[in-house]
Amino acid sequence: MYKGGCGMGDRFDQELEVYLEQQVKDSAGERRRRLTETKRHAEELFLRNVWWPMFGNFDRLHAEWEVPDFRQGFRYLDFAYMLPPLRIAIEIEGFGPHAKHADRRKFEDDHVRAAYLQAEGWKVMRFSYDTVNERPQLCRQILTLLIGKWSDIGKEDRLALTEREKAVIRLAVGRQHPITPGEVSESLDICVHTARRRLRELTAKGVFRVASGSSRARAYALRSEHERLFRGMEK
């Protein structure tokens, strides 16, 4: 079982205890045994030094997550982060128990395991114990970059965009200024009322923001966080 220690203060230790109690409650069999009986110093260090300073919570993070093994058995990820459709496997390795007793067979097994996870649709992140311990900020930077990048995958599908809505977005991507219902109407050969309705619907989905107009929106801009994602839709 993880143990709270000095470092981030009482709040981290309290939240960690609640988190782990819930993880145990939601587990069974070998996963529960691993959560309650195995010493997990490296994993707690990752939570304390890397995860908690970034997120301040353990939402969507699952410890000792069970996955099918390529040998028809099961393996246990140190952590699984679930942000549908995204699944990230997080493994902590290093010059502790993981590496001291490693041999060629284990080295090969670890790499086959990672390849199998990737083939099954997982994104795999591996951090060394020493980096988590001595350079946690680097781990946080990498985690931020990769989760941000991977979170874009499938975002368009999660928004449940129709082909007609995508056409409006392609139009906006090709402009250097906010678009108006009139421009959408003329370019897509639809009436202004329909163009305005689609822009409103896309604004409600968080894709656009109102760029001008108070009582009645006159122009709409593609939100910057979506622009990079949808820029490929031009082609």
Foldseek 3Di string as FASTA:
>chain_A
DEADDDDPDDLLRVQVVVVLVVLLVPDDDPLNCCSPPPYDVLLVLCCRLAVCVVPVHQPQKHAQDWDQFPVRHIGTARIWRDDVVAIEGEHEAEDDVRPPPDDPVVVVVVVVRCVVCVVVPYHYHYHYSCCSVPPNVVVNVVVVVVCLVVVLVCVVVVLVDDPLLLVVVLVQLPDPDFAFLVVSCVVVVHDSVVSQVSLVSCVVSVQWDQDDDDVDGGTIHGDPSCSVSSNVVND
